Amino acid sequence: MVKAHVQELVEKLQRVENEMKLLQEDRRHMFDDYKDKIDIKAFKAAWAIAKKRENVNEIELDSILDTLMTLE
């Protein structure tokens, strides 16, 4: 009984991991398609910032960023 559940879980995990690999390849290809059009490093940084802003108080974040920028 346990063996069947383990086997089923392994198969599902393998399927998900394969799909994740395909999605990662798609992501790499998308960046390759745009590397001559935009600065990919800058885009990735902007994307990360935009994603972070979704989960925090933007006013507080901006205040902290302003303070950090004056320290440098």
PDB file of N, CA and C in Angstrom:
ATOM      1  N   MET A   1       0.819  -1.194   0.000  1.00  0.00           N
ATOM      2  CA  MET A   1       0.000   0.000   0.000  1.00  0.00           C
ATOM      3  C   MET A   1       0.865   1.262   0.000  1.00  0.00           C
ATOM      4  N   VAL A   2       1.820   1.337   0.921  1.00  0.00           N
ATOM      5  CA  VAL A   2       2.704   2.499   0.989  1.00  0.00           C
ATOM      6  C   VAL A   2       3.529   2.604  -0.288  1.00  0.00           C
ATOM      7  N   LYS A   3       3.969   1.474  -0.802  1.00  0.00           N
ATOM      8  CA  LYS A   3       4.787   1.469  -2.022  1.00  0.00           C
ATOM      9  C   LYS A   3       4.024   2.116  -3.172  1.00  0.00           C
ATOM     10  N   ALA A   4       2.765   1.833  -3.303  1.00  0.00           N
ATOM     11  CA  ALA A   4       1.953   2.397  -4.388  1.00  0.00           C
ATOM     12  C   ALA A   4       1.834   3.916  -4.232  1.00  0.00           C
ATOM     13  N   HIS A   5       1.673   4.389  -3.010  1.00  0.00           N
ATOM     14  CA  HIS A   5       1.571   5.833  -2.766  1.00  0.00           C
ATOM     15  C   HIS A   5       2.889   6.531  -3.064  1.00  0.00           C
ATOM     16  N   VAL A   6       3.975   5.894  -2.655  1.00  0.00           N
ATOM     17  CA  VAL A   6       5.293   6.465  -2.921  1.00  0.00           C
ATOM     18  C   VAL A   6       5.528   6.537  -4.418  1.00  0.00           C
ATOM     19  N   GLN A   7       5.216   5.477  -5.133  1.00  0.00           N
ATOM     20  CA  GLN A   7       5.390   5.445  -6.579  1.00  0.00           C
ATOM     21  C   GLN A   7       4.561   6.528  -7.251  1.00  0.00           C
ATOM     22  N   GLU A   8       3.325   6.682  -6.809  1.00  0.00           N
ATOM     23  CA  GLU A   8       2.437   7.706  -7.368  1.00  0.00           C
ATOM     24  C   GLU A   8       3.008   9.103  -7.118  1.00  0.00           C
ATOM     25  N   LEU A   9       3.491   9.336  -5.897  1.00  0.00           N
ATOM     26  CA  LEU A   9       4.066  10.636  -5.563  1.00  0.00           C
ATOM     27  C   LEU A   9       5.314  10.904  -6.395  1.00  0.00           C
ATOM     28  N   VAL A  10       6.156   9.903  -6.560  1.00  0.00           N
ATOM     29  CA  VAL A  10       7.369  10.053  -7.371  1.00  0.00           C
ATOM     30  C   VAL A  10       7.009  10.427  -8.798  1.00  0.00           C
ATOM     31  N   GLU A  11       6.043   9.765  -9.365  1.00  0.00           N
ATOM     32  CA  GLU A  11       5.625  10.055 -10.739  1.00  0.00           C
ATOM     33  C   GLU A  11       5.095  11.481 -10.871  1.00  0.00           C
ATOM     34  N   LYS A  12       4.295  11.912  -9.900  1.00  0.00           N
ATOM     35  CA  LYS A  12       3.757  13.276  -9.945  1.00  0.00           C
ATOM     36  C   LYS A  12       4.876  14.304  -9.807  1.00  0.00           C
ATOM     37  N   LEU A  13       5.804  14.061  -8.886  1.00  0.00           N
ATOM     38  CA  LEU A  13       6.923  14.975  -8.704  1.00  0.00           C
ATOM     39  C   LEU A  13       7.791  15.055  -9.957  1.00  0.00           C
ATOM     40  N   GLN A  14       8.038  13.924 -10.578  1.00  0.00           N
ATOM     41  CA  GLN A  14       8.836  13.912 -11.806  1.00  0.00           C
ATOM     42  C   GLN A  14       8.155  14.714 -12.901  1.00  0.00           C
ATOM     43  N   ARG A  15       6.850  14.583 -13.009  1.00  0.00           N
ATOM     44  CA  ARG A  15       6.088  15.313 -14.020  1.00  0.00           C
ATOM     45  C   ARG A  15       6.179  16.822 -13.761  1.00  0.00           C
ATOM     46  N   VAL A  16       6.016  17.223 -12.503  1.00  0.00           N
ATOM     47  CA  VAL A  16       6.095  18.642 -12.150  1.00  0.00           C
ATOM     48  C   VAL A  16       7.505  19.173 -12.401  1.00  0.00           C
ATOM     49  N   GLU A  17       8.521  18.413 -12.003  1.00  0.00           N
ATOM     50  CA  GLU A  17       9.899  18.854 -12.210  1.00  0.00           C
ATOM     51  C   GLU A  17      10.224  18.991 -13.697  1.00  0.00           C
ATOM     52  N   ASN A  18       9.718  18.092 -14.517  1.00  0.00           N
ATOM     53  CA  ASN A  18       9.919  18.199 -15.965  1.00  0.00           C
ATOM     54  C   ASN A  18       9.244  19.452 -16.522  1.00  0.00           C
ATOM     55  N   GLU A  19       8.043  19.739 -16.040  1.00  0.00           N
ATOM     56  CA  GLU A  19       7.343  20.947 -16.480  1.00  0.00           C
ATOM     57  C   GLU A  19       8.107  22.197 -16.047  1.00  0.00           C
ATOM     58  N   MET A  20       8.669  22.167 -14.838  1.00  0.00           N
ATOM     59  CA  MET A  20       9.452  23.303 -14.356  1.00  0.00           C
ATOM     60  C   MET A  20      10.686  23.519 -15.233  1.00  0.00           C
ATOM     61  N   LYS A  21      11.337  22.438 -15.636  1.00  0.00           N
ATOM     62  CA  LYS A  21      12.503  22.553 -16.524  1.00  0.00           C
ATOM     63  C   LYS A  21      12.105  23.178 -17.855  1.00  0.00           C
ATOM     64  N   LEU A  22      10.978  22.762 -18.392  1.00  0.00           N
ATOM     65  CA  LEU A  22      10.499  23.324 -19.655  1.00  0.00           C
ATOM     66  C   LEU A  22      10.201  24.812 -19.512  1.00  0.00           C
ATOM     67  N   LEU A  23       9.584  25.181 -18.403  1.00  0.00           N
ATOM     68  CA  LEU A  23       9.287  26.594 -18.169  1.00  0.00           C
ATOM     69  C   LEU A  23      10.572  27.412 -18.007  1.00  0.00           C
ATOM     70  N   GLN A  24      11.568  26.854 -17.334  1.00  0.00           N
ATOM     71  CA  GLN A  24      12.848  27.549 -17.191  1.00  0.00           C
ATOM     72  C   GLN A  24      13.514  27.749 -18.550  1.00  0.00           C
ATOM     73  N   GLU A  25      13.417  26.743 -19.402  1.00  0.00           N
ATOM     74  CA  GLU A  25      13.966  26.868 -20.757  1.00  0.00           C
ATOM     75  C   GLU A  25      13.217  27.951 -21.532  1.00  0.00           C
ATOM     76  N   ASP A  26      11.903  27.976 -21.416  1.00  0.00           N
ATOM     77  CA  ASP A  26      11.102  29.007 -22.075  1.00  0.00           C
ATOM     78  C   ASP A  26      11.523  30.397 -21.598  1.00  0.00           C
ATOM     79  N   ARG A  27      11.756  30.522 -20.298  1.00  0.00           N
ATOM     80  CA  ARG A  27      12.167  31.804 -19.715  1.00  0.00           C
ATOM     81  C   ARG A  27      13.516  32.232 -20.289  1.00  0.00           C
ATOM     82  N   ARG A  28      14.464  31.297 -20.358  1.00  0.00           N
ATOM     83  CA  ARG A  28      15.778  31.602 -20.934  1.00  0.00           C
ATOM     84  C   ARG A  28      15.646  32.048 -22.388  1.00  0.00           C
ATOM     85  N   HIS A  29      14.801  31.361 -23.139  1.00  0.00           N
ATOM     86  CA  HIS A  29      14.598  31.718 -24.549  1.00  0.00           C
ATOM     87  C   HIS A  29      13.988  33.116 -24.683  1.00  0.00           C
ATOM     88  N   MET A  30      13.056  33.448 -23.799  1.00  0.00           N
ATOM     89  CA  MET A  30      12.463  34.781 -23.853  1.00  0.00           C
ATOM     90  C   MET A  30      13.517  35.848 -23.628  1.00  0.00           C
ATOM     91  N   PHE A  31      14.371  35.646 -22.631  1.00  0.00           N
ATOM     92  CA  PHE A  31      15.432  36.622 -22.371  1.00  0.00           C
ATOM     93  C   PHE A  31      16.399  36.696 -23.553  1.00  0.00           C
ATOM     94  N   ASP A  32      16.695  35.553 -24.153  1.00  0.00           N
ATOM     95  CA  ASP A  32      17.571  35.547 -25.331  1.00  0.00           C
ATOM     96  C   ASP A  32      16.950  36.355 -26.476  1.00  0.00           C
ATOM     97  N   ASP A  33      15.636  36.242 -26.632  1.00  0.00           N
ATOM     98  CA  ASP A  33      14.942  36.964 -27.697  1.00  0.00           C
ATOM     99  C   ASP A  33      15.041  38.486 -27.528  1.00  0.00           C
ATOM    100  N   TYR A  34      15.175  38.933 -26.291  1.00  0.00           N
ATOM    101  CA  TYR A  34      15.178  40.368 -26.025  1.00  0.00           C
ATOM    102  C   TYR A  34      16.538  40.942 -25.657  1.00  0.00           C
ATOM    103  N   LYS A  35      17.567  40.097 -25.594  1.00  0.00           N
ATOM    104  CA  LYS A  35      18.867  40.574 -25.121  1.00  0.00           C
ATOM    105  C   LYS A  35      19.481  41.643 -26.018  1.00  0.00           C
ATOM    106  N   ASP A  36      19.113  41.680 -27.288  1.00  0.00           N
ATOM    107  CA  ASP A  36      19.627  42.708 -28.189  1.00  0.00           C
ATOM    108  C   ASP A  36      18.734  43.952 -28.219  1.00  0.00           C
ATOM    109  N   LYS A  37      17.592  43.881 -27.536  1.00  0.00           N
ATOM    110  CA  LYS A  37      16.634  44.988 -27.557  1.00  0.00           C
ATOM    111  C   LYS A  37      16.651  45.801 -26.269  1.00  0.00           C
ATOM    112  N   ILE A  38      16.868  45.122 -25.142  1.00  0.00           N
ATOM    113  CA  ILE A  38      16.909  45.806 -23.845  1.00  0.00           C
ATOM    114  C   ILE A  38      18.019  45.212 -22.999  1.00  0.00           C
ATOM    115  N   ASP A  39      18.414  45.953 -21.965  1.00  0.00           N
ATOM    116  CA  ASP A  39      19.416  45.478 -21.018  1.00  0.00           C
ATOM    117  C   ASP A  39      18.733  44.467 -20.092  1.00  0.00           C
ATOM    118  N   ILE A  40      19.039  43.195 -20.289  1.00  0.00           N
ATOM    119  CA  ILE A  40      18.372  42.129 -19.548  1.00  0.00           C
ATOM    120  C   ILE A  40      18.683  42.212 -18.056  1.00  0.00           C
ATOM    121  N   LYS A  41      19.915  42.565 -17.692  1.00  0.00           N
ATOM    122  CA  LYS A  41      20.253  42.693 -16.274  1.00  0.00           C
ATOM    123  C   LYS A  41      19.398  43.762 -15.606  1.00  0.00           C
ATOM    124  N   ALA A  42      19.256  44.894 -16.282  1.00  0.00           N
ATOM    125  CA  ALA A  42      18.436  45.979 -15.744  1.00  0.00           C
ATOM    126  C   ALA A  42      16.975  45.547 -15.666  1.00  0.00           C
ATOM    127  N   PHE A  43      16.520  44.839 -16.687  1.00  0.00           N
ATOM    128  CA  PHE A  43      15.135  44.366 -16.672  1.00  0.00           C
ATOM    129  C   PHE A  43      14.897  43.419 -15.502  1.00  0.00           C
ATOM    130  N   LYS A  44      15.812  42.474 -15.290  1.00  0.00           N
ATOM    131  CA  LYS A  44      15.650  41.520 -14.185  1.00  0.00           C
ATOM    132  C   LYS A  44      15.633  42.237 -12.840  1.00  0.00           C
ATOM    133  N   ALA A  45      16.480  43.254 -12.686  1.00  0.00           N
ATOM    134  CA  ALA A  45      16.493  44.026 -11.445  1.00  0.00           C
ATOM    135  C   ALA A  45      15.160  44.754 -11.269  1.00  0.00           C
ATOM    136  N   ALA A  46      14.673  45.378 -12.336  1.00  0.00           N
ATOM    137  CA  ALA A  46      13.396  46.097 -12.275  1.00  0.00           C
ATOM    138  C   ALA A  46      12.251  45.126 -11.980  1.00  0.00           C
ATOM    139  N   TRP A  47      12.286  43.975 -12.591  1.00  0.00           N
ATOM    140  CA  TRP A  47      11.252  42.956 -12.376  1.00  0.00           C
ATOM    141  C   TRP A  47      11.239  42.520 -10.909  1.00  0.00           C
ATOM    142  N   ALA A  48      12.431  42.291 -10.345  1.00  0.00           N
ATOM    143  CA  ALA A  48      12.523  41.883  -8.944  1.00  0.00           C
ATOM    144  C   ALA A  48      11.971  42.974  -8.024  1.00  0.00           C
ATOM    145  N   ILE A  49      12.300  44.222  -8.329  1.00  0.00           N
ATOM    146  CA  ILE A  49      11.800  45.337  -7.527  1.00  0.00           C
ATOM    147  C   ILE A  49      10.277  45.414  -7.620  1.00  0.00           C
ATOM    148  N   ALA A  50       9.765  45.296  -8.826  1.00  0.00           N
ATOM    149  CA  ALA A  50       8.308  45.357  -9.017  1.00  0.00           C
ATOM    150  C   ALA A  50       7.615  44.236  -8.242  1.00  0.00           C
ATOM    151  N   LYS A  51       8.180  43.046  -8.256  1.00  0.00           N
ATOM    152  CA  LYS A  51       7.595  41.920  -7.532  1.00  0.00           C
ATOM    153  C   LYS A  51       7.651  42.147  -6.024  1.00  0.00           C
ATOM    154  N   LYS A  52       8.756  42.707  -5.548  1.00  0.00           N
ATOM    155  CA  LYS A  52       8.891  42.989  -4.110  1.00  0.00           C
ATOM    156  C   LYS A  52       7.877  44.034  -3.671  1.00  0.00           C
ATOM    157  N   ARG A  53       7.649  45.037  -4.507  1.00  0.00           N
ATOM    158  CA  ARG A  53       6.719  46.116  -4.168  1.00  0.00           C
ATOM    159  C   ARG A  53       5.297  45.594  -3.969  1.00  0.00           C
ATOM    160  N   GLU A  54       4.980  44.471  -4.564  1.00  0.00           N
ATOM    161  CA  GLU A  54       3.633  43.910  -4.427  1.00  0.00           C
ATOM    162  C   GLU A  54       3.338  43.495  -2.987  1.00  0.00           C
ATOM    163  N   ASN A  55       4.387  43.213  -2.225  1.00  0.00           N
ATOM    164  CA  ASN A  55       4.189  42.626  -0.897  1.00  0.00           C
ATOM    165  C   ASN A  55       4.563  43.532   0.260  1.00  0.00           C
ATOM    166  N   VAL A  56       4.864  44.800  -0.017  1.00  0.00           N
ATOM    167  CA  VAL A  56       5.270  45.701   1.059  1.00  0.00           C
ATOM    168  C   VAL A  56       4.539  47.033   0.949  1.00  0.00           C
ATOM    169  N   ASN A  57       4.624  47.787   2.009  1.00  0.00           N
ATOM    170  CA  ASN A  57       4.080  49.136   2.027  1.00  0.00           C
ATOM    171  C   ASN A  57       5.013  50.007   1.187  1.00  0.00           C
ATOM    172  N   GLU A  58       4.530  50.506   0.053  1.00  0.00           N
ATOM    173  CA  GLU A  58       5.390  51.247  -0.875  1.00  0.00           C
ATOM    174  C   GLU A  58       5.920  52.547  -0.289  1.00  0.00           C
ATOM    175  N   ILE A  59       5.132  53.220   0.505  1.00  0.00           N
ATOM    176  CA  ILE A  59       5.587  54.475   1.108  1.00  0.00           C
ATOM    177  C   ILE A  59       6.763  54.205   2.043  1.00  0.00           C
ATOM    178  N   GLU A  60       6.636  53.173   2.851  1.00  0.00           N
ATOM    179  CA  GLU A  60       7.713  52.791   3.764  1.00  0.00           C
ATOM    180  C   GLU A  60       8.952  52.360   2.976  1.00  0.00           C
ATOM    181  N   LEU A  61       8.741  51.575   1.948  1.00  0.00           N
ATOM    182  CA  LEU A  61       9.855  51.123   1.111  1.00  0.00           C
ATOM    183  C   LEU A  61      10.583  52.304   0.491  1.00  0.00           C
ATOM    184  N   ASP A  62       9.834  53.232  -0.089  1.00  0.00           N
ATOM    185  CA  ASP A  62      10.448  54.406  -0.714  1.00  0.00           C
ATOM    186  C   ASP A  62      11.227  55.241   0.294  1.00  0.00           C
ATOM    187  N   SER A  63      10.679  55.359   1.484  1.00  0.00           N
ATOM    188  CA  SER A  63      11.359  56.109   2.531  1.00  0.00           C
ATOM    189  C   SER A  63      12.691  55.450   2.894  1.00  0.00           C
ATOM    190  N   ILE A  64      12.667  54.153   3.049  1.00  0.00           N
ATOM    191  CA  ILE A  64      13.896  53.421   3.390  1.00  0.00           C
ATOM    192  C   ILE A  64      14.895  53.502   2.245  1.00  0.00           C
ATOM    193  N   LEU A  65      14.427  53.346   1.017  1.00  0.00           N
ATOM    194  CA  LEU A  65      15.324  53.438  -0.136  1.00  0.00           C
ATOM    195  C   LEU A  65      15.961  54.819  -0.231  1.00  0.00           C
ATOM    196  N   ASP A  66      15.170  55.864  -0.018  1.00  0.00           N
ATOM    197  CA  ASP A  66      15.719  57.228  -0.039  1.00  0.00           C
ATOM    198  C   ASP A  66      16.816  57.387   1.005  1.00  0.00           C
ATOM    199  N   THR A  67      16.581  56.840   2.183  1.00  0.00           N
ATOM    200  CA  THR A  67      17.588  56.917   3.244  1.00  0.00           C
ATOM    201  C   THR A  67      18.845  56.152   2.843  1.00  0.00           C
ATOM    202  N   LEU A  68      18.669  54.973   2.305  1.00  0.00           N
ATOM    203  CA  LEU A  68      19.827  54.171   1.889  1.00  0.00           C
ATOM    204  C   LEU A  68      20.635  54.867   0.800  1.00  0.00           C
ATOM    205  N   MET A  69      19.931  55.495  -0.125  1.00  0.00           N
ATOM    206  CA  MET A  69      20.634  56.163  -1.239  1.00  0.00           C
ATOM    207  C   MET A  69      21.475  57.333  -0.740  1.00  0.00           C
ATOM    208  N   THR A  70      21.050  57.990   0.334  1.00  0.00           N
ATOM    209  CA  THR A  70      21.825  59.122   0.854  1.00  0.00           C
ATOM    210  C   THR A  70      23.043  58.657   1.647  1.00  0.00           C
ATOM    211  N   LEU A  71      23.040  57.393   2.057  1.00  0.00           N
ATOM    212  CA  LEU A  71      24.160  56.848   2.825  1.00  0.00           C
ATOM    213  C   LEU A  71      25.335  56.455   1.929  1.00  0.00           C
ATOM    214  N   GLU A  72      25.056  56.181   0.696  1.00  0.00           N
ATOM    215  CA  GLU A  72      26.100  55.688  -0.214  1.00  0.00           C
ATOM    216  C   GLU A  72      27.007  56.783  -0.714  1.00  0.00           C
TER     217      GLU A  72
END
